[in-house]
Amino acid sequence: MITVPKPRVKVVMALILIILGVLPKNLVMIGGNLVIGLLLLFIYRIPFRAFVKQLKPIAFFMLFTFLFFPFYEGSHGWIKALQYSGRLLFVAMVLSFLFYRLGIVAFLQALAELRLPSIFIELLMFTLRFMDVFRGEVRQMLLSLRSRGFYTGNWFQLKKYRILGGLLGSLLLRSYQRSERIYLGMLSKGYKGERFKSIRTELVPKYEWLHCALWAGCVLCMFFVGGLR
């Protein structure tokens, strides 16, 4: 049984695979990358539901490519739609591998161990935190609307768009006020923008980096196969 590499190795490996995976335009290379992605999920025993979880946010964009490119570019648009959708699928597979059993805290810790700029890590941390806060605010506001008889059964009503427009405006104001309170709370606790410090630095055996080299080598082989065609 092949064990999943350490978080630091997973982050570097995922970054390299994503960069290499979005470069090719040849459908044979993209198809080969998708096979590699499936092998990645199978070998490291990543559940299918984890892949579906990463696929949900990009499913709309994949559908949009099949609707937009054929209409805009004719028969060549189908090829372009397959190119973009194949790349997105491969990225979703790699992200499923990266974030399976890897929480946000462990992910940020791995970034700190890789000596990324602390300002980048803090911005990422605050962005993820505020996205979670906004999600909670939207949930509460929609719950209060439904308690007053609002329902989303039929979206083709101007009145509903007015209500949702007011909801977005109210969300913007509440989010701004929430961010001000959080900022003042951070200042009251002595926050001065100090560097994001790594809590612990876990030693990574050198053989674990073979995971990164082997999978990156497999994706690079697709460039060689595509060049022969």
Foldseek 3Di string as FASTA:
>chain_A
DDEQFALLLLVVLLVLLLVLQLPDLDLLLLVLLLVLLVVLCVVNVQDPVLLVVLVVVCVVVLVVQVVPQCVVPNPVSVSVSSSVVSSSSSNSSSVSSNCDVQDPVNNLLSVVLVVDFQVVSVVVVVVVVLVVVLVVVLVVVVVVVVVVPDDPPDPPDPVVVVVVVVVVVVSVVVSVVVVVVVVVVCVVVPDDPDGDHRPDRDDGDPVSNVVSVVSSVSSVVSVVVVVVD
